[in-house]
Amino acid sequence: MKKFRLHVVALPHTQTSLRHSACAFTIKVLRFCRMMTSLGHDVFHYGAEGSEVQDFTAEDIPVISLAEQEVYFGPFDPNKLYDCVFSPRRLIGRR
């Protein structure tokens, strides 16, 4: 079987981990990375800092920090459904 190099882009509002299981796309990214690695492919994950994919990806490349997530999307509360509203207006006045 031919070995592929796969580049997987995750959503910026969550870390790719089971802690964010309410987000279906995040869990699909997690499972896809795990499945493709188990089939022998090289997987490069582009996502948020703190993602839990290091055990089964060739490389985890953080593209947004936890501090940036909080600025753009607000604080994460695991006890409520996450309403992802990106607000660049939160950045006005912050430098």
PDB file of N, CA and C in Angstrom:
ATOM      1  N   MET A   1       0.836  -1.174   0.000  1.00  0.00           N
ATOM      2  CA  MET A   1       0.000   0.000   0.000  1.00  0.00           C
ATOM      3  C   MET A   1       0.889   1.247   0.000  1.00  0.00           C
ATOM      4  N   LYS A   2       0.490   2.241  -0.761  1.00  0.00           N
ATOM      5  CA  LYS A   2       1.235   3.490  -0.829  1.00  0.00           C
ATOM      6  C   LYS A   2       1.030   4.296   0.448  1.00  0.00           C
ATOM      7  N   LYS A   3       2.111   4.884   0.950  1.00  0.00           N
ATOM      8  CA  LYS A   3       2.055   5.694   2.159  1.00  0.00           C
ATOM      9  C   LYS A   3       1.827   7.156   1.765  1.00  0.00           C
ATOM     10  N   PHE A   4       0.836   7.798   2.396  1.00  0.00           N
ATOM     11  CA  PHE A   4       0.499   9.177   2.093  1.00  0.00           C
ATOM     12  C   PHE A   4       0.948  10.105   3.209  1.00  0.00           C
ATOM     13  N   ARG A   5       1.142  11.373   2.880  1.00  0.00           N
ATOM     14  CA  ARG A   5       1.388  12.430   3.855  1.00  0.00           C
ATOM     15  C   ARG A   5       0.114  13.264   3.885  1.00  0.00           C
ATOM     16  N   LEU A   6      -0.572  13.255   5.011  1.00  0.00           N
ATOM     17  CA  LEU A   6      -1.864  13.926   5.148  1.00  0.00           C
ATOM     18  C   LEU A   6      -1.736  15.149   6.051  1.00  0.00           C
ATOM     19  N   HIS A   7      -2.314  16.255   5.633  1.00  0.00           N
ATOM     20  CA  HIS A   7      -2.327  17.486   6.419  1.00  0.00           C
ATOM     21  C   HIS A   7      -3.770  17.739   6.837  1.00  0.00           C
ATOM     22  N   VAL A   8      -4.024  17.705   8.145  1.00  0.00           N
ATOM     23  CA  VAL A   8      -5.377  17.806   8.683  1.00  0.00           C
ATOM     24  C   VAL A   8      -5.515  19.122   9.445  1.00  0.00           C
ATOM     25  N   VAL A   9      -6.494  19.933   9.053  1.00  0.00           N
ATOM     26  CA  VAL A   9      -6.736  21.221   9.702  1.00  0.00           C
ATOM     27  C   VAL A   9      -7.931  21.084  10.637  1.00  0.00           C
ATOM     28  N   ALA A  10      -7.713  21.400  11.907  1.00  0.00           N
ATOM     29  CA  ALA A  10      -8.780  21.328  12.909  1.00  0.00           C
ATOM     30  C   ALA A  10      -9.430  22.698  13.082  1.00  0.00           C
ATOM     31  N   LEU A  11     -10.513  22.719  13.819  1.00  0.00           N
ATOM     32  CA  LEU A  11     -11.195  23.979  14.104  1.00  0.00           C
ATOM     33  C   LEU A  11     -10.421  24.776  15.150  1.00  0.00           C
ATOM     34  N   PRO A  12     -10.430  26.098  15.061  1.00  0.00           N
ATOM     35  CA  PRO A  12      -9.638  26.900  15.992  1.00  0.00           C
ATOM     36  C   PRO A  12     -10.258  27.096  17.373  1.00  0.00           C
ATOM     37  N   HIS A  13     -11.544  26.814  17.552  1.00  0.00           N
ATOM     38  CA  HIS A  13     -12.186  27.119  18.833  1.00  0.00           C
ATOM     39  C   HIS A  13     -12.079  26.004  19.867  1.00  0.00           C
ATOM     40  N   THR A  14     -11.553  24.844  19.485  1.00  0.00           N
ATOM     41  CA  THR A  14     -11.396  23.740  20.444  1.00  0.00           C
ATOM     42  C   THR A  14     -10.030  23.091  20.275  1.00  0.00           C
ATOM     43  N   GLN A  15      -9.589  22.422  21.336  1.00  0.00           N
ATOM     44  CA  GLN A  15      -8.421  21.560  21.204  1.00  0.00           C
ATOM     45  C   GLN A  15      -8.928  20.223  20.674  1.00  0.00           C
ATOM     46  N   THR A  16      -8.147  19.576  19.832  1.00  0.00           N
ATOM     47  CA  THR A  16      -8.540  18.268  19.328  1.00  0.00           C
ATOM     48  C   THR A  16      -8.283  17.263  20.441  1.00  0.00           C
ATOM     49  N   SER A  17      -9.328  16.966  21.200  1.00  0.00           N
ATOM     50  CA  SER A  17      -9.233  16.027  22.320  1.00  0.00           C
ATOM     51  C   SER A  17     -10.638  15.563  22.691  1.00  0.00           C
ATOM     52  N   LEU A  18     -10.709  14.549  23.520  1.00  0.00           N
ATOM     53  CA  LEU A  18     -12.004  14.025  23.950  1.00  0.00           C
ATOM     54  C   LEU A  18     -12.740  14.993  24.875  1.00  0.00           C
ATOM     55  N   ARG A  19     -12.030  15.968  25.446  1.00  0.00           N
ATOM     56  CA  ARG A  19     -12.688  16.967  26.304  1.00  0.00           C
ATOM     57  C   ARG A  19     -13.710  17.777  25.507  1.00  0.00           C
ATOM     58  N   HIS A  20     -13.553  17.849  24.208  1.00  0.00           N
ATOM     59  CA  HIS A  20     -14.457  18.628  23.355  1.00  0.00           C
ATOM     60  C   HIS A  20     -15.332  17.685  22.526  1.00  0.00           C
ATOM     61  N   SER A  21     -15.854  16.666  23.172  1.00  0.00           N
ATOM     62  CA  SER A  21     -16.637  15.658  22.455  1.00  0.00           C
ATOM     63  C   SER A  21     -17.988  16.190  21.974  1.00  0.00           C
ATOM     64  N   ALA A  22     -18.427  17.340  22.458  1.00  0.00           N
ATOM     65  CA  ALA A  22     -19.689  17.915  21.981  1.00  0.00           C
ATOM     66  C   ALA A  22     -19.554  18.459  20.567  1.00  0.00           C
ATOM     67  N   CYS A  23     -18.325  18.695  20.123  1.00  0.00           N
ATOM     68  CA  CYS A  23     -18.087  19.198  18.768  1.00  0.00           C
ATOM     69  C   CYS A  23     -17.814  18.005  17.845  1.00  0.00           C
ATOM     70  N   ALA A  24     -18.767  17.699  16.990  1.00  0.00           N
ATOM     71  CA  ALA A  24     -18.651  16.516  16.129  1.00  0.00           C
ATOM     72  C   ALA A  24     -17.444  16.596  15.195  1.00  0.00           C
ATOM     73  N   PHE A  25     -17.159  17.773  14.647  1.00  0.00           N
ATOM     74  CA  PHE A  25     -16.038  17.893  13.722  1.00  0.00           C
ATOM     75  C   PHE A  25     -14.719  17.647  14.447  1.00  0.00           C
ATOM     76  N   THR A  26     -14.588  18.155  15.669  1.00  0.00           N
ATOM     77  CA  THR A  26     -13.364  17.953  16.442  1.00  0.00           C
ATOM     78  C   THR A  26     -13.117  16.461  16.677  1.00  0.00           C
ATOM     79  N   ILE A  27     -14.150  15.719  17.012  1.00  0.00           N
ATOM     80  CA  ILE A  27     -14.002  14.275  17.243  1.00  0.00           C
ATOM     81  C   ILE A  27     -13.692  13.559  15.936  1.00  0.00           C
ATOM     82  N   LYS A  28     -14.274  14.013  14.836  1.00  0.00           N
ATOM     83  CA  LYS A  28     -13.951  13.407  13.534  1.00  0.00           C
ATOM     84  C   LYS A  28     -12.488  13.629  13.177  1.00  0.00           C
ATOM     85  N   VAL A  29     -11.952  14.803  13.468  1.00  0.00           N
ATOM     86  CA  VAL A  29     -10.530  15.074  13.222  1.00  0.00           C
ATOM     87  C   VAL A  29      -9.673  14.155  14.076  1.00  0.00           C
ATOM     88  N   LEU A  30     -10.019  14.021  15.348  1.00  0.00           N
ATOM     89  CA  LEU A  30      -9.276  13.152  16.269  1.00  0.00           C
ATOM     90  C   LEU A  30      -9.262  11.712  15.762  1.00  0.00           C
ATOM     91  N   ARG A  31     -10.425  11.199  15.414  1.00  0.00           N
ATOM     92  CA  ARG A  31     -10.516   9.808  14.945  1.00  0.00           C
ATOM     93  C   ARG A  31      -9.849   9.602  13.589  1.00  0.00           C
ATOM     94  N   PHE A  32      -9.952  10.601  12.709  1.00  0.00           N
ATOM     95  CA  PHE A  32      -9.318  10.499  11.400  1.00  0.00           C
ATOM     96  C   PHE A  32      -7.801  10.418  11.545  1.00  0.00           C
ATOM     97  N   CYS A  33      -7.238  11.282  12.396  1.00  0.00           N
ATOM     98  CA  CYS A  33      -5.787  11.251  12.628  1.00  0.00           C
ATOM     99  C   CYS A  33      -5.353   9.895  13.174  1.00  0.00           C
ATOM    100  N   ARG A  34      -6.097   9.396  14.136  1.00  0.00           N
ATOM    101  CA  ARG A  34      -5.766   8.092  14.737  1.00  0.00           C
ATOM    102  C   ARG A  34      -5.862   6.971  13.700  1.00  0.00           C
ATOM    103  N   MET A  35      -6.927   6.985  12.894  1.00  0.00           N
ATOM    104  CA  MET A  35      -7.142   5.931  11.907  1.00  0.00           C
ATOM    105  C   MET A  35      -6.065   5.945  10.824  1.00  0.00           C
ATOM    106  N   MET A  36      -5.764   7.128  10.292  1.00  0.00           N
ATOM    107  CA  MET A  36      -4.777   7.197   9.215  1.00  0.00           C
ATOM    108  C   MET A  36      -3.368   6.846   9.699  1.00  0.00           C
ATOM    109  N   THR A  37      -3.038   7.219  10.926  1.00  0.00           N
ATOM    110  CA  THR A  37      -1.740   6.841  11.487  1.00  0.00           C
ATOM    111  C   THR A  37      -1.659   5.329  11.664  1.00  0.00           C
ATOM    112  N   SER A  38      -2.748   4.721  12.124  1.00  0.00           N
ATOM    113  CA  SER A  38      -2.742   3.268  12.312  1.00  0.00           C
ATOM    114  C   SER A  38      -2.606   2.518  10.991  1.00  0.00           C
ATOM    115  N   LEU A  39      -2.968   3.169   9.891  1.00  0.00           N
ATOM    116  CA  LEU A  39      -2.814   2.566   8.566  1.00  0.00           C
ATOM    117  C   LEU A  39      -1.440   2.831   7.965  1.00  0.00           C
ATOM    118  N   GLY A  40      -0.578   3.558   8.717  1.00  0.00           N
ATOM    119  CA  GLY A  40       0.796   3.763   8.284  1.00  0.00           C
ATOM    120  C   GLY A  40       1.075   5.066   7.557  1.00  0.00           C
ATOM    121  N   HIS A  41       0.101   5.965   7.517  1.00  0.00           N
ATOM    122  CA  HIS A  41       0.298   7.241   6.836  1.00  0.00           C
ATOM    123  C   HIS A  41       0.909   8.269   7.787  1.00  0.00           C
ATOM    124  N   ASP A  42       1.601   9.263   7.233  1.00  0.00           N
ATOM    125  CA  ASP A  42       2.128  10.375   8.024  1.00  0.00           C
ATOM    126  C   ASP A  42       1.043  11.443   8.118  1.00  0.00           C
ATOM    127  N   VAL A  43       0.677  11.798   9.342  1.00  0.00           N
ATOM    128  CA  VAL A  43      -0.400  12.761   9.569  1.00  0.00           C
ATOM    129  C   VAL A  43       0.172  13.996  10.260  1.00  0.00           C
ATOM    130  N   PHE A  44      -0.102  15.160   9.687  1.00  0.00           N
ATOM    131  CA  PHE A  44       0.307  16.433  10.261  1.00  0.00           C
ATOM    132  C   PHE A  44      -0.964  17.165  10.690  1.00  0.00           C
ATOM    133  N   HIS A  45      -1.076  17.442  11.977  1.00  0.00           N
ATOM    134  CA  HIS A  45      -2.268  18.065  12.549  1.00  0.00           C
ATOM    135  C   HIS A  45      -2.010  19.548  12.788  1.00  0.00           C
ATOM    136  N   TYR A  46      -2.866  20.401  12.228  1.00  0.00           N
ATOM    137  CA  TYR A  46      -2.794  21.845  12.425  1.00  0.00           C
ATOM    138  C   TYR A  46      -3.999  22.248  13.263  1.00  0.00           C
ATOM    139  N   GLY A  47      -3.757  22.612  14.511  1.00  0.00           N
ATOM    140  CA  GLY A  47      -4.870  22.934  15.390  1.00  0.00           C
ATOM    141  C   GLY A  47      -4.446  23.798  16.549  1.00  0.00           C
ATOM    142  N   ALA A  48      -5.252  23.767  17.586  1.00  0.00           N
ATOM    143  CA  ALA A  48      -5.023  24.608  18.753  1.00  0.00           C
ATOM    144  C   ALA A  48      -3.965  24.002  19.673  1.00  0.00           C
ATOM    145  N   GLU A  49      -3.286  24.901  20.367  1.00  0.00           N
ATOM    146  CA  GLU A  49      -2.334  24.479  21.382  1.00  0.00           C
ATOM    147  C   GLU A  49      -3.079  23.633  22.427  1.00  0.00           C
ATOM    148  N   GLY A  50      -2.458  22.569  22.881  1.00  0.00           N
ATOM    149  CA  GLY A  50      -3.086  21.708  23.874  1.00  0.00           C
ATOM    150  C   GLY A  50      -3.878  20.550  23.293  1.00  0.00           C
ATOM    151  N   SER A  51      -3.851  20.378  21.978  1.00  0.00           N
ATOM    152  CA  SER A  51      -4.532  19.242  21.351  1.00  0.00           C
ATOM    153  C   SER A  51      -3.847  17.948  21.777  1.00  0.00           C
ATOM    154  N   GLU A  52      -4.616  16.891  21.858  1.00  0.00           N
ATOM    155  CA  GLU A  52      -4.097  15.605  22.333  1.00  0.00           C
ATOM    156  C   GLU A  52      -3.970  14.611  21.180  1.00  0.00           C
ATOM    157  N   VAL A  53      -3.103  14.939  20.228  1.00  0.00           N
ATOM    158  CA  VAL A  53      -2.903  14.083  19.065  1.00  0.00           C
ATOM    159  C   VAL A  53      -1.446  13.643  18.914  1.00  0.00           C
ATOM    160  N   GLN A  54      -0.585  14.045  19.850  1.00  0.00           N
ATOM    161  CA  GLN A  54       0.843  13.778  19.726  1.00  0.00           C
ATOM    162  C   GLN A  54       1.163  12.286  19.670  1.00  0.00           C
ATOM    163  N   ASP A  55       0.360  11.453  20.326  1.00  0.00           N
ATOM    164  CA  ASP A  55       0.637  10.019  20.369  1.00  0.00           C
ATOM    165  C   ASP A  55       0.422   9.323  19.035  1.00  0.00           C
ATOM    166  N   PHE A  56      -0.379   9.898  18.163  1.00  0.00           N
ATOM    167  CA  PHE A  56      -0.669   9.212  16.913  1.00  0.00           C
ATOM    168  C   PHE A  56      -0.589  10.113  15.683  1.00  0.00           C
ATOM    169  N   THR A  57       0.209  11.160  15.732  1.00  0.00           N
ATOM    170  CA  THR A  57       0.458  11.948  14.530  1.00  0.00           C
ATOM    171  C   THR A  57       1.954  12.106  14.327  1.00  0.00           C
ATOM    172  N   ALA A  58       2.347  12.319  13.088  1.00  0.00           N
ATOM    173  CA  ALA A  58       3.753  12.556  12.795  1.00  0.00           C
ATOM    174  C   ALA A  58       4.183  13.873  13.412  1.00  0.00           C
ATOM    175  N   GLU A  59       3.294  14.865  13.353  1.00  0.00           N
ATOM    176  CA  GLU A  59       3.619  16.161  13.929  1.00  0.00           C
ATOM    177  C   GLU A  59       2.343  16.921  14.273  1.00  0.00           C
ATOM    178  N   ASP A  60       2.351  17.560  15.446  1.00  0.00           N
ATOM    179  CA  ASP A  60       1.256  18.424  15.869  1.00  0.00           C
ATOM    180  C   ASP A  60       1.746  19.854  15.742  1.00  0.00           C
ATOM    181  N   ILE A  61       1.101  20.639  14.897  1.00  0.00           N
ATOM    182  CA  ILE A  61       1.539  22.002  14.614  1.00  0.00           C
ATOM    183  C   ILE A  61       0.484  22.968  15.152  1.00  0.00           C
ATOM    184  N   PRO A  62       0.752  23.595  16.313  1.00  0.00           N
ATOM    185  CA  PRO A  62      -0.217  24.549  16.867  1.00  0.00           C
ATOM    186  C   PRO A  62      -0.275  25.820  16.022  1.00  0.00           C
ATOM    187  N   VAL A  63      -1.477  26.235  15.670  1.00  0.00           N
ATOM    188  CA  VAL A  63      -1.653  27.452  14.866  1.00  0.00           C
ATOM    189  C   VAL A  63      -2.392  28.536  15.638  1.00  0.00           C
ATOM    190  N   ILE A  64      -2.887  28.200  16.834  1.00  0.00           N
ATOM    191  CA  ILE A  64      -3.530  29.179  17.701  1.00  0.00           C
ATOM    192  C   ILE A  64      -3.219  28.792  19.141  1.00  0.00           C
ATOM    193  N   SER A  65      -2.850  29.785  19.954  1.00  0.00           N
ATOM    194  CA  SER A  65      -2.508  29.509  21.348  1.00  0.00           C
ATOM    195  C   SER A  65      -3.774  29.521  22.209  1.00  0.00           C
ATOM    196  N   LEU A  66      -3.648  29.035  23.434  1.00  0.00           N
ATOM    197  CA  LEU A  66      -4.781  29.045  24.363  1.00  0.00           C
ATOM    198  C   LEU A  66      -5.198  30.484  24.686  1.00  0.00           C
ATOM    199  N   ALA A  67      -4.221  31.381  24.800  1.00  0.00           N
ATOM    200  CA  ALA A  67      -4.536  32.790  25.075  1.00  0.00           C
ATOM    201  C   ALA A  67      -5.300  33.413  23.909  1.00  0.00           C
ATOM    202  N   GLU A  68      -4.888  33.101  22.684  1.00  0.00           N
ATOM    203  CA  GLU A  68      -5.592  33.626  21.510  1.00  0.00           C
ATOM    204  C   GLU A  68      -7.010  33.065  21.430  1.00  0.00           C
ATOM    205  N   GLN A  69      -7.178  31.788  21.774  1.00  0.00           N
ATOM    206  CA  GLN A  69      -8.520  31.201  21.776  1.00  0.00           C
ATOM    207  C   GLN A  69      -9.449  31.961  22.709  1.00  0.00           C
ATOM    208  N   GLU A  70      -8.956  32.275  23.893  1.00  0.00           N
ATOM    209  CA  GLU A  70      -9.802  32.969  24.860  1.00  0.00           C
ATOM    210  C   GLU A  70     -10.157  34.374  24.382  1.00  0.00           C
ATOM    211  N   VAL A  71      -9.220  35.047  23.722  1.00  0.00           N
ATOM    212  CA  VAL A  71      -9.501  36.388  23.191  1.00  0.00           C
ATOM    213  C   VAL A  71     -10.556  36.317  22.090  1.00  0.00           C
ATOM    214  N   TYR A  72     -10.396  35.377  21.155  1.00  0.00           N
ATOM    215  CA  TYR A  72     -11.303  35.291  20.005  1.00  0.00           C
ATOM    216  C   TYR A  72     -12.655  34.672  20.337  1.00  0.00           C
ATOM    217  N   PHE A  73     -12.662  33.630  21.186  1.00  0.00           N
ATOM    218  CA  PHE A  73     -13.879  32.843  21.395  1.00  0.00           C
ATOM    219  C   PHE A  73     -14.417  32.883  22.814  1.00  0.00           C
ATOM    220  N   GLY A  74     -13.716  33.533  23.730  1.00  0.00           N
ATOM    221  CA  GLY A  74     -14.150  33.574  25.123  1.00  0.00           C
ATOM    222  C   GLY A  74     -13.676  32.337  25.872  1.00  0.00           C
ATOM    223  N   PRO A  75     -13.882  32.321  27.187  1.00  0.00           N
ATOM    224  CA  PRO A  75     -13.413  31.193  27.991  1.00  0.00           C
ATOM    225  C   PRO A  75     -14.223  29.921  27.708  1.00  0.00           C
ATOM    226  N   PHE A  76     -13.560  28.776  27.815  1.00  0.00           N
ATOM    227  CA  PHE A  76     -14.219  27.480  27.587  1.00  0.00           C
ATOM    228  C   PHE A  76     -14.808  26.981  28.889  1.00  0.00           C
ATOM    229  N   ASP A  77     -16.073  26.602  28.875  1.00  0.00           N
ATOM    230  CA  ASP A  77     -16.745  26.019  30.033  1.00  0.00           C
ATOM    231  C   ASP A  77     -17.223  24.630  29.641  1.00  0.00           C
ATOM    232  N   PRO A  78     -16.596  23.555  30.206  1.00  0.00           N
ATOM    233  CA  PRO A  78     -16.974  22.196  29.810  1.00  0.00           C
ATOM    234  C   PRO A  78     -18.368  21.781  30.272  1.00  0.00           C
ATOM    235  N   ASN A  79     -19.004  22.582  31.134  1.00  0.00           N
ATOM    236  CA  ASN A  79     -20.326  22.227  31.663  1.00  0.00           C
ATOM    237  C   ASN A  79     -21.481  22.785  30.844  1.00  0.00           C
ATOM    238  N   LYS A  80     -21.173  23.503  29.772  1.00  0.00           N
ATOM    239  CA  LYS A  80     -22.251  24.001  28.920  1.00  0.00           C
ATOM    240  C   LYS A  80     -21.893  23.772  27.459  1.00  0.00           C
ATOM    241  N   LEU A  81     -22.905  23.769  26.623  1.00  0.00           N
ATOM    242  CA  LEU A  81     -22.661  23.631  25.195  1.00  0.00           C
ATOM    243  C   LEU A  81     -21.896  24.841  24.705  1.00  0.00           C
ATOM    244  N   TYR A  82     -20.950  24.603  23.832  1.00  0.00           N
ATOM    245  CA  TYR A  82     -20.071  25.664  23.379  1.00  0.00           C
ATOM    246  C   TYR A  82     -20.680  26.368  22.182  1.00  0.00           C
ATOM    247  N   ASP A  83     -20.928  27.641  22.311  1.00  0.00           N
ATOM    248  CA  ASP A  83     -21.460  28.451  21.228  1.00  0.00           C
ATOM    249  C   ASP A  83     -20.289  29.193  20.600  1.00  0.00           C
ATOM    250  N   CYS A  84     -19.861  28.730  19.446  1.00  0.00           N
ATOM    251  CA  CYS A  84     -18.673  29.285  18.809  1.00  0.00           C
ATOM    252  C   CYS A  84     -19.046  30.535  18.021  1.00  0.00           C
ATOM    253  N   VAL A  85     -18.720  31.668  18.581  1.00  0.00           N
ATOM    254  CA  VAL A  85     -18.957  32.936  17.898  1.00  0.00           C
ATOM    255  C   VAL A  85     -17.621  33.655  17.827  1.00  0.00           C
ATOM    256  N   PHE A  86     -17.095  33.761  16.626  1.00  0.00           N
ATOM    257  CA  PHE A  86     -15.829  34.463  16.435  1.00  0.00           C
ATOM    258  C   PHE A  86     -16.105  35.955  16.428  1.00  0.00           C
ATOM    259  N   SER A  87     -15.374  36.682  17.243  1.00  0.00           N
ATOM    260  CA  SER A  87     -15.596  38.119  17.313  1.00  0.00           C
ATOM    261  C   SER A  87     -14.284  38.878  17.205  1.00  0.00           C
ATOM    262  N   PRO A  88     -13.934  39.346  16.010  1.00  0.00           N
ATOM    263  CA  PRO A  88     -12.733  40.159  15.894  1.00  0.00           C
ATOM    264  C   PRO A  88     -12.868  41.489  16.628  1.00  0.00           C
ATOM    265  N   ARG A  89     -14.082  41.901  16.966  1.00  0.00           N
ATOM    266  CA  ARG A  89     -14.292  43.143  17.714  1.00  0.00           C
ATOM    267  C   ARG A  89     -13.688  43.074  19.110  1.00  0.00           C
ATOM    268  N   ARG A  90     -13.535  41.858  19.633  1.00  0.00           N
ATOM    269  CA  ARG A  90     -12.899  41.700  20.943  1.00  0.00           C
ATOM    270  C   ARG A  90     -11.445  42.161  20.921  1.00  0.00           C
ATOM    271  N   LEU A  91     -10.880  42.228  19.746  1.00  0.00           N
ATOM    272  CA  LEU A  91      -9.479  42.625  19.628  1.00  0.00           C
ATOM    273  C   LEU A  91      -9.286  44.128  19.582  1.00  0.00           C
ATOM    274  N   ILE A  92     -10.338  44.868  19.309  1.00  0.00           N
ATOM    275  CA  ILE A  92     -10.218  46.313  19.195  1.00  0.00           C
ATOM    276  C   ILE A  92      -9.752  46.882  20.535  1.00  0.00           C
ATOM    277  N   GLY A  93      -8.697  47.654  20.482  1.00  0.00           N
ATOM    278  CA  GLY A  93      -8.154  48.247  21.697  1.00  0.00           C
ATOM    279  C   GLY A  93      -7.129  47.370  22.396  1.00  0.00           C
ATOM    280  N   ARG A  94      -6.942  46.134  21.933  1.00  0.00           N
ATOM    281  CA  ARG A  94      -5.958  45.234  22.548  1.00  0.00           C
ATOM    282  C   ARG A  94      -4.762  45.114  21.618  1.00  0.00           C
ATOM    283  N   ARG A  95      -3.622  45.385  22.100  1.00  0.00           N
ATOM    284  CA  ARG A  95      -2.392  45.225  21.323  1.00  0.00           C
ATOM    285  C   ARG A  95      -1.291  44.811  22.233  1.00  0.00           C
TER     286      ARG A  95
END
